[in-house]
Amino acid sequence: MLAAAAALTLSGCGGFSESFQRGYVIQQGALEQVPIGASQEQVLIVLGTPSTVATLNGDVFYYISQKTERGAAFMPQEVVDQRVIAVYFDKDRKVVRLANYGMKDGRVFDFVSQTTPTGGRERSIIGGLLGATFNPFGTSN
């Protein structure tokens, strides 16, 4: 009888799933409202305050988010998606490029340009923000 009750209790947990969103939550269509040539003030109005800012031949605003899930209340959370929205500015503080970085096939990937960033300082920064480390042999952790 006790085994049947335990089995029934555990089977009820099968449909349980929790999702958690941390950091910046981008609104649908927000990136389309930031055209190339827009000012930093316009970006702040549309996207809000960035998670962090860097200076690489002009300013870069980074908006960082992470989505995790767990199958039961007592189980650890697993990362299912991490994103870094990057808005690049020139010396005049005008938008020159937008990127939506995430992980695809174990590599840092820009979902806007559909490309993988090449080596260098920018890739190291994005990889660090996403938890990926640069490996000169071509694979990411």
Protein backbone atom coordinates (compact mmCIF):
# COMPACT_ATOMS: atom_id res chain seq x y z
CA MET A 1 0.00 0.00 0.00
CA LEU A 2 2.84 2.38 0.93
CA ALA A 3 4.65 1.63 -2.36
CA ALA A 4 1.48 2.39 -4.33
CA ALA A 5 1.05 5.73 -2.54
CA ALA A 6 4.70 6.66 -3.21
CA ALA A 7 4.35 5.75 -6.89
CA LEU A 8 1.19 7.83 -7.19
CA THR A 9 2.89 10.80 -5.52
CA LEU A 10 5.94 10.59 -7.81
CA SER A 11 3.83 10.19 -10.94
CA GLY A 12 2.11 13.47 -10.08
CA CYS A 13 5.49 15.22 -10.23
CA GLY A 14 6.01 14.20 -13.86
CA GLY A 15 4.08 17.15 -15.28
CA PHE A 16 5.68 19.71 -12.94
CA SER A 17 8.11 22.17 -14.48
CA GLU A 18 9.21 25.62 -13.35
CA SER A 19 10.89 28.31 -15.46
CA PHE A 20 12.90 31.21 -14.08
CA GLN A 21 13.99 34.35 -15.97
CA ARG A 22 16.86 36.43 -14.60
CA GLY A 23 18.33 39.66 -15.83
CA TYR A 24 17.08 41.69 -18.76
CA VAL A 25 13.83 40.53 -20.37
CA ILE A 26 13.61 41.88 -23.91
CA GLN A 27 10.15 42.82 -25.12
CA GLN A 28 8.95 41.42 -28.46
CA GLY A 29 9.98 43.78 -31.26
CA ALA A 30 12.21 45.98 -29.08
CA LEU A 31 15.35 45.51 -31.20
CA GLU A 32 13.43 46.55 -34.32
CA GLN A 33 12.76 49.89 -32.59
CA VAL A 34 16.50 50.60 -32.40
CA PRO A 35 17.64 51.51 -35.92
CA ILE A 36 21.24 51.92 -36.99
CA GLY A 37 22.11 55.58 -36.38
CA ALA A 38 19.91 55.92 -33.29
CA SER A 39 21.38 57.88 -30.38
CA GLN A 40 22.33 56.42 -27.00
CA GLU A 41 19.41 58.33 -25.49
CA GLN A 42 16.99 56.61 -27.89
CA VAL A 43 18.42 53.21 -26.96
CA LEU A 44 17.99 53.97 -23.26
CA ILE A 45 14.36 54.99 -23.86
CA VAL A 46 13.55 51.81 -25.83
CA LEU A 47 15.68 49.18 -24.03
CA GLY A 48 16.25 50.80 -20.63
CA THR A 49 19.40 50.77 -18.53
CA PRO A 50 21.96 48.16 -19.69
CA SER A 51 23.20 45.38 -17.43
CA THR A 52 26.77 46.57 -18.04
CA VAL A 53 28.70 48.92 -20.33
CA ALA A 54 32.06 48.44 -22.03
CA THR A 55 34.31 50.66 -24.11
CA LEU A 56 35.74 49.12 -27.32
CA ASN A 57 36.44 51.89 -29.85
CA GLY A 58 33.17 53.45 -28.70
CA ASP A 59 30.65 52.35 -26.10
CA VAL A 60 28.84 49.01 -26.00
CA PHE A 61 25.67 48.45 -23.98
CA TYR A 62 25.14 44.84 -22.84
CA TYR A 63 21.72 43.55 -21.75
CA ILE A 64 22.19 40.14 -20.10
CA SER A 65 19.55 37.47 -19.40
CA GLN A 66 19.37 33.83 -18.38
CA LYS A 67 16.49 31.35 -18.42
CA THR A 68 16.57 28.26 -16.20
CA GLU A 69 14.16 25.39 -15.63
CA ARG A 70 13.73 22.57 -13.16
CA GLY A 71 11.51 19.52 -13.35
CA ALA A 72 10.62 19.37 -9.65
CA ALA A 73 10.82 21.73 -6.70
CA PHE A 74 13.69 19.77 -5.12
CA MET A 75 15.76 19.46 -8.33
CA PRO A 76 18.52 21.90 -9.29
CA GLN A 77 17.85 24.50 -11.97
CA GLU A 78 19.36 23.94 -15.42
CA VAL A 79 20.28 26.78 -17.77
CA VAL A 80 18.21 26.45 -20.96
CA ASP A 81 19.02 29.81 -22.57
CA GLN A 82 21.46 32.69 -22.00
CA ARG A 83 21.44 35.86 -24.06
CA VAL A 84 23.52 39.00 -24.33
CA ILE A 85 22.00 41.81 -26.38
CA ALA A 86 24.85 44.10 -27.46
CA VAL A 87 24.33 47.60 -28.85
CA TYR A 88 27.51 49.06 -30.39
CA PHE A 89 28.04 52.82 -30.67
CA ASP A 90 30.55 54.91 -32.64
CA LYS A 91 32.49 57.88 -31.25
CA ASP A 92 29.44 60.12 -31.81
CA ARG A 93 27.31 57.79 -29.64
CA LYS A 94 25.21 56.57 -32.56
CA VAL A 95 24.24 52.90 -33.02
CA VAL A 96 26.47 51.16 -35.56
CA ARG A 97 25.50 47.53 -34.89
CA LEU A 98 23.13 45.34 -32.88
CA ALA A 99 23.80 41.76 -31.80
CA ASN A 100 21.82 39.11 -29.92
CA TYR A 101 24.41 36.64 -28.64
CA GLY A 102 23.55 33.21 -27.27
CA MET A 103 24.87 29.67 -27.42
CA LYS A 104 24.21 27.49 -30.46
CA ASP A 105 25.84 24.10 -30.89
CA GLY A 106 28.20 24.89 -27.99
CA ARG A 107 29.51 28.10 -29.55
CA VAL A 108 28.77 31.80 -29.05
CA PHE A 109 26.37 32.79 -31.85
CA ASP A 110 24.85 36.11 -32.97
CA PHE A 111 21.17 35.50 -33.73
CA VAL A 112 20.87 38.88 -35.53
CA SER A 113 23.64 38.44 -38.11
CA GLN A 114 23.47 34.61 -37.97
CA THR A 115 27.26 34.42 -37.45
CA THR A 116 29.75 33.20 -34.89
CA PRO A 117 32.06 36.01 -33.68
CA THR A 118 35.72 35.62 -34.54
CA GLY A 119 38.53 35.65 -31.97
CA GLY A 120 39.71 38.72 -30.15
CA ARG A 121 38.73 40.91 -27.26
CA GLU A 122 35.03 41.13 -28.18
CA ARG A 123 34.62 37.36 -28.35
CA SER A 124 36.36 36.98 -24.99
CA ILE A 125 33.97 39.49 -23.40
CA ILE A 126 30.85 37.88 -24.89
CA GLY A 127 32.09 34.39 -24.03
CA GLY A 128 32.76 35.50 -20.47
CA LEU A 129 29.28 36.94 -20.13
CA LEU A 130 27.72 33.74 -21.45
CA GLY A 131 29.96 31.47 -19.39
CA ALA A 132 31.81 30.16 -22.46
CA THR A 133 35.58 30.12 -22.50
CA PHE A 134 37.70 30.66 -25.59
CA ASN A 135 39.62 27.59 -26.68
CA PRO A 136 42.21 28.08 -29.47
CA PHE A 137 41.43 24.57 -30.74
CA GLY A 138 37.95 25.68 -31.84
CA THR A 139 35.58 24.36 -29.19
CA SER A 140 33.78 26.24 -26.43
CA ASN A 141 32.95 25.03 -22.93
